[in-house]
Amino acid sequence: MGKRKGGATAGSPETQQRKAAERDARRQARRRRRMVQAGAIVLAVLVAAGGLVWALRARAEREYDLSVVGSGVPVVVQVHDITCPVCNEL
């Protein structure tokens, strides 16, 4: 069992195998931790996007709900196109 450069001992083959297995286990644990973190980030983004879509859809439904126009009293609603000259005259 000679010494390696820098003063560290190489150790027995069993020790080397054990250390290699420990390194692999640490790498796998880091990889799993990163995957869990990435999954949590993706989940958070999807939840936020879903909430935004839900809020925008609810807002659009309120904006285009014509049943509230006039509050139950019959009214006339003029719909026009801003590029139509006749509509602009009305």
N, C-alpha and C. Protein backbone atom coordinates (compact mmCIF):
# COMPACT_ATOMS: atom_id res chain seq x y z
N MET A 1 0.83 -1.17 0.00
CA MET A 1 0.00 0.00 0.00
C MET A 1 0.89 1.25 0.00
N GLY A 2 1.16 1.68 -1.17
CA GLY A 2 1.99 2.85 -1.29
C GLY A 2 1.16 4.12 -1.17
N LYS A 3 1.89 5.19 -1.08
CA LYS A 3 1.22 6.47 -0.98
C LYS A 3 1.11 7.07 -2.37
N ARG A 4 -0.02 7.74 -2.58
CA ARG A 4 -0.20 8.44 -3.84
C ARG A 4 0.45 9.81 -3.75
N LYS A 5 0.50 10.49 -4.87
CA LYS A 5 1.02 11.84 -4.89
C LYS A 5 0.16 12.71 -3.97
N GLY A 6 0.76 13.53 -3.21
CA GLY A 6 0.02 14.40 -2.32
C GLY A 6 -0.14 13.82 -0.93
N GLY A 7 0.35 12.60 -0.68
CA GLY A 7 0.34 12.05 0.65
C GLY A 7 -0.86 11.17 0.97
N ALA A 8 -1.86 11.05 0.12
CA ALA A 8 -3.04 10.23 0.42
C ALA A 8 -2.74 8.78 0.10
N THR A 9 -3.23 7.88 0.93
CA THR A 9 -3.01 6.46 0.68
C THR A 9 -4.11 5.94 -0.23
N ALA A 10 -3.73 4.97 -1.06
CA ALA A 10 -4.69 4.40 -1.99
C ALA A 10 -5.66 3.48 -1.27
N GLY A 11 -5.21 2.75 -0.26
CA GLY A 11 -6.07 1.85 0.48
C GLY A 11 -6.19 0.51 -0.21
N SER A 12 -6.84 -0.41 0.46
CA SER A 12 -7.02 -1.75 -0.10
C SER A 12 -8.07 -1.72 -1.20
N PRO A 13 -8.11 -2.76 -2.02
CA PRO A 13 -9.13 -2.80 -3.08
C PRO A 13 -10.56 -2.71 -2.51
N GLU A 14 -10.78 -3.31 -1.33
CA GLU A 14 -12.11 -3.24 -0.72
C GLU A 14 -12.46 -1.81 -0.32
N THR A 15 -11.45 -1.12 0.22
CA THR A 15 -11.66 0.28 0.62
C THR A 15 -11.94 1.14 -0.61
N GLN A 16 -11.18 0.89 -1.67
CA GLN A 16 -11.40 1.65 -2.90
C GLN A 16 -12.79 1.40 -3.46
N GLN A 17 -13.23 0.15 -3.43
CA GLN A 17 -14.57 -0.17 -3.92
C GLN A 17 -15.63 0.50 -3.05
N ARG A 18 -15.44 0.47 -1.73
CA ARG A 18 -16.40 1.08 -0.82
C ARG A 18 -16.49 2.59 -1.06
N LYS A 19 -15.32 3.23 -1.22
CA LYS A 19 -15.30 4.67 -1.48
C LYS A 19 -15.96 4.99 -2.82
N ALA A 20 -15.70 4.17 -3.83
CA ALA A 20 -16.33 4.38 -5.14
C ALA A 20 -17.86 4.23 -5.03
N ALA A 21 -18.30 3.24 -4.26
CA ALA A 21 -19.74 3.04 -4.07
C ALA A 21 -20.34 4.22 -3.33
N GLU A 22 -19.63 4.75 -2.34
CA GLU A 22 -20.13 5.91 -1.61
C GLU A 22 -20.22 7.14 -2.51
N ARG A 23 -19.18 7.32 -3.37
CA ARG A 23 -19.23 8.44 -4.33
C ARG A 23 -20.42 8.31 -5.26
N ASP A 24 -20.65 7.10 -5.77
CA ASP A 24 -21.79 6.86 -6.66
C ASP A 24 -23.11 7.12 -5.95
N ALA A 25 -23.20 6.71 -4.69
CA ALA A 25 -24.43 6.93 -3.92
C ALA A 25 -24.67 8.42 -3.73
N ARG A 26 -23.59 9.18 -3.44
CA ARG A 26 -23.74 10.63 -3.28
C ARG A 26 -24.17 11.28 -4.58
N ARG A 27 -23.57 10.84 -5.70
CA ARG A 27 -23.95 11.38 -7.02
C ARG A 27 -25.42 11.11 -7.32
N GLN A 28 -25.85 9.89 -7.05
CA GLN A 28 -27.25 9.53 -7.30
C GLN A 28 -28.19 10.34 -6.40
N ALA A 29 -27.79 10.56 -5.16
CA ALA A 29 -28.61 11.36 -4.24
C ALA A 29 -28.71 12.79 -4.73
N ARG A 30 -27.57 13.36 -5.19
CA ARG A 30 -27.61 14.73 -5.74
C ARG A 30 -28.49 14.79 -6.97
N ARG A 31 -28.38 13.78 -7.84
CA ARG A 31 -29.19 13.74 -9.06
C ARG A 31 -30.68 13.67 -8.72
N ARG A 32 -31.02 12.82 -7.74
CA ARG A 32 -32.43 12.72 -7.31
C ARG A 32 -32.92 14.03 -6.74
N ARG A 33 -32.08 14.68 -5.91
CA ARG A 33 -32.46 15.95 -5.30
C ARG A 33 -32.70 17.00 -6.38
N ARG A 34 -31.83 17.04 -7.39
CA ARG A 34 -32.01 18.00 -8.49
C ARG A 34 -33.29 17.73 -9.27
N MET A 35 -33.58 16.44 -9.48
CA MET A 35 -34.81 16.08 -10.21
C MET A 35 -36.05 16.50 -9.41
N VAL A 36 -36.02 16.29 -8.11
CA VAL A 36 -37.15 16.69 -7.26
C VAL A 36 -37.30 18.20 -7.29
N GLN A 37 -36.20 18.93 -7.21
CA GLN A 37 -36.25 20.39 -7.26
C GLN A 37 -36.80 20.87 -8.59
N ALA A 38 -36.34 20.27 -9.68
CA ALA A 38 -36.83 20.65 -11.00
C ALA A 38 -38.32 20.34 -11.13
N GLY A 39 -38.73 19.19 -10.62
CA GLY A 39 -40.15 18.84 -10.65
C GLY A 39 -40.99 19.81 -9.85
N ALA A 40 -40.48 20.24 -8.70
CA ALA A 40 -41.21 21.21 -7.87
C ALA A 40 -41.34 22.55 -8.58
N ILE A 41 -40.29 22.95 -9.27
CA ILE A 41 -40.34 24.21 -10.01
C ILE A 41 -41.35 24.12 -11.15
N VAL A 42 -41.31 23.02 -11.89
CA VAL A 42 -42.26 22.83 -12.99
C VAL A 42 -43.69 22.83 -12.46
N LEU A 43 -43.91 22.14 -11.35
CA LEU A 43 -45.24 22.10 -10.76
C LEU A 43 -45.71 23.48 -10.34
N ALA A 44 -44.82 24.25 -9.72
CA ALA A 44 -45.17 25.61 -9.30
C ALA A 44 -45.52 26.49 -10.50
N VAL A 45 -44.76 26.37 -11.57
CA VAL A 45 -45.04 27.16 -12.78
C VAL A 45 -46.38 26.76 -13.38
N LEU A 46 -46.66 25.46 -13.42
CA LEU A 46 -47.94 25.01 -13.97
C LEU A 46 -49.11 25.47 -13.12
N VAL A 47 -48.96 25.43 -11.81
CA VAL A 47 -50.04 25.89 -10.93
C VAL A 47 -50.26 27.39 -11.12
N ALA A 48 -49.18 28.15 -11.20
CA ALA A 48 -49.31 29.60 -11.40
C ALA A 48 -49.95 29.91 -12.75
N ALA A 49 -49.55 29.19 -13.79
CA ALA A 49 -50.14 29.41 -15.12
C ALA A 49 -51.61 29.04 -15.12
N GLY A 50 -51.95 27.94 -14.45
CA GLY A 50 -53.36 27.55 -14.36
C GLY A 50 -54.19 28.59 -13.63
N GLY A 51 -53.64 29.13 -12.55
CA GLY A 51 -54.35 30.18 -11.83
C GLY A 51 -54.54 31.43 -12.67
N LEU A 52 -53.53 31.78 -13.44
CA LEU A 52 -53.63 32.95 -14.32
C LEU A 52 -54.68 32.73 -15.39
N VAL A 53 -54.67 31.55 -16.01
CA VAL A 53 -55.67 31.25 -17.04
C VAL A 53 -57.07 31.28 -16.45
N TRP A 54 -57.23 30.71 -15.26
CA TRP A 54 -58.54 30.71 -14.60
C TRP A 54 -59.00 32.14 -14.33
N ALA A 55 -58.11 32.99 -13.82
CA ALA A 55 -58.48 34.38 -13.52
C ALA A 55 -58.83 35.15 -14.78
N LEU A 56 -58.05 34.97 -15.85
CA LEU A 56 -58.35 35.67 -17.10
C LEU A 56 -59.67 35.20 -17.71
N ARG A 57 -59.93 33.91 -17.60
CA ARG A 57 -61.20 33.38 -18.14
C ARG A 57 -62.40 33.92 -17.35
N ALA A 58 -62.27 33.97 -16.03
CA ALA A 58 -63.36 34.51 -15.21
C ALA A 58 -63.58 35.99 -15.52
N ARG A 59 -62.49 36.72 -15.72
CA ARG A 59 -62.62 38.15 -16.06
C ARG A 59 -63.30 38.32 -17.41
N ALA A 60 -62.92 37.51 -18.39
CA ALA A 60 -63.53 37.61 -19.72
C ALA A 60 -65.02 37.28 -19.65
N GLU A 61 -65.39 36.29 -18.85
CA GLU A 61 -66.80 35.95 -18.72
C GLU A 61 -67.59 37.11 -18.12
N ARG A 62 -67.01 37.79 -17.14
CA ARG A 62 -67.70 38.95 -16.54
C ARG A 62 -67.79 40.10 -17.52
N GLU A 63 -66.73 40.33 -18.31
CA GLU A 63 -66.72 41.44 -19.26
C GLU A 63 -67.75 41.27 -20.37
N TYR A 64 -67.92 40.05 -20.85
CA TYR A 64 -68.80 39.83 -22.00
C TYR A 64 -70.17 39.30 -21.62
N ASP A 65 -70.52 39.37 -20.37
CA ASP A 65 -71.83 38.94 -19.92
C ASP A 65 -72.81 40.09 -20.15
N LEU A 66 -73.58 40.01 -21.22
CA LEU A 66 -74.51 41.09 -21.58
C LEU A 66 -75.80 41.04 -20.78
N SER A 67 -75.99 40.03 -19.94
CA SER A 67 -77.21 39.97 -19.13
C SER A 67 -77.24 41.07 -18.07
N VAL A 68 -76.09 41.66 -17.75
CA VAL A 68 -76.05 42.71 -16.75
C VAL A 68 -76.30 44.10 -17.34
N VAL A 69 -76.33 44.20 -18.66
CA VAL A 69 -76.57 45.49 -19.31
C VAL A 69 -78.01 45.89 -19.05
N GLY A 70 -78.21 47.05 -18.48
CA GLY A 70 -79.55 47.57 -18.22
C GLY A 70 -80.12 47.07 -16.91
N SER A 71 -79.48 46.17 -16.24
CA SER A 71 -79.94 45.63 -14.95
C SER A 71 -81.39 45.18 -15.00
N GLY A 72 -81.78 44.45 -16.03
CA GLY A 72 -83.13 43.90 -16.13
C GLY A 72 -84.08 44.78 -16.92
N VAL A 73 -83.71 46.01 -17.23
CA VAL A 73 -84.54 46.92 -18.01
C VAL A 73 -84.12 46.80 -19.47
N PRO A 74 -85.09 46.69 -20.40
CA PRO A 74 -84.71 46.57 -21.82
C PRO A 74 -83.90 47.79 -22.28
N VAL A 75 -82.82 47.55 -22.98
CA VAL A 75 -81.96 48.62 -23.49
C VAL A 75 -81.55 48.28 -24.91
N VAL A 76 -81.06 49.28 -25.61
CA VAL A 76 -80.51 49.08 -26.95
C VAL A 76 -78.99 49.14 -26.83
N VAL A 77 -78.34 48.15 -27.42
CA VAL A 77 -76.88 48.11 -27.39
C VAL A 77 -76.39 48.27 -28.82
N GLN A 78 -75.57 49.29 -29.04
CA GLN A 78 -75.00 49.51 -30.37
C GLN A 78 -73.62 48.89 -30.41
N VAL A 79 -73.42 48.00 -31.37
CA VAL A 79 -72.12 47.37 -31.57
C VAL A 79 -71.58 47.88 -32.89
N HIS A 80 -70.36 48.38 -32.88
CA HIS A 80 -69.81 48.92 -34.12
C HIS A 80 -68.34 48.56 -34.26
N ASP A 81 -67.87 48.77 -35.49
CA ASP A 81 -66.47 48.54 -35.82
C ASP A 81 -65.83 49.91 -36.01
N ILE A 82 -64.69 50.18 -35.39
CA ILE A 82 -64.07 51.49 -35.47
C ILE A 82 -63.57 51.82 -36.87
N THR A 83 -63.45 50.83 -37.74
CA THR A 83 -62.99 51.10 -39.11
C THR A 83 -64.16 51.33 -40.06
N CYS A 84 -65.39 51.18 -39.58
CA CYS A 84 -66.58 51.36 -40.42
C CYS A 84 -67.04 52.82 -40.35
N PRO A 85 -67.03 53.57 -41.46
CA PRO A 85 -67.42 54.99 -41.44
C PRO A 85 -68.88 55.18 -41.02
N VAL A 86 -69.78 54.33 -41.50
CA VAL A 86 -71.19 54.45 -41.15
C VAL A 86 -71.39 54.21 -39.64
N CYS A 87 -70.68 53.23 -39.13
CA CYS A 87 -70.78 52.93 -37.69
C CYS A 87 -70.27 54.11 -36.87
N ASN A 88 -69.20 54.75 -37.31
CA ASN A 88 -68.66 55.90 -36.60
C ASN A 88 -69.62 57.08 -36.65
N GLU A 89 -70.38 57.27 -37.73
CA GLU A 89 -71.36 58.34 -37.81
C GLU A 89 -72.51 58.11 -36.85
N LEU A 90 -72.89 56.86 -36.66
CA LEU A 90 -73.97 56.55 -35.72
C LEU A 90 -73.55 56.91 -34.32
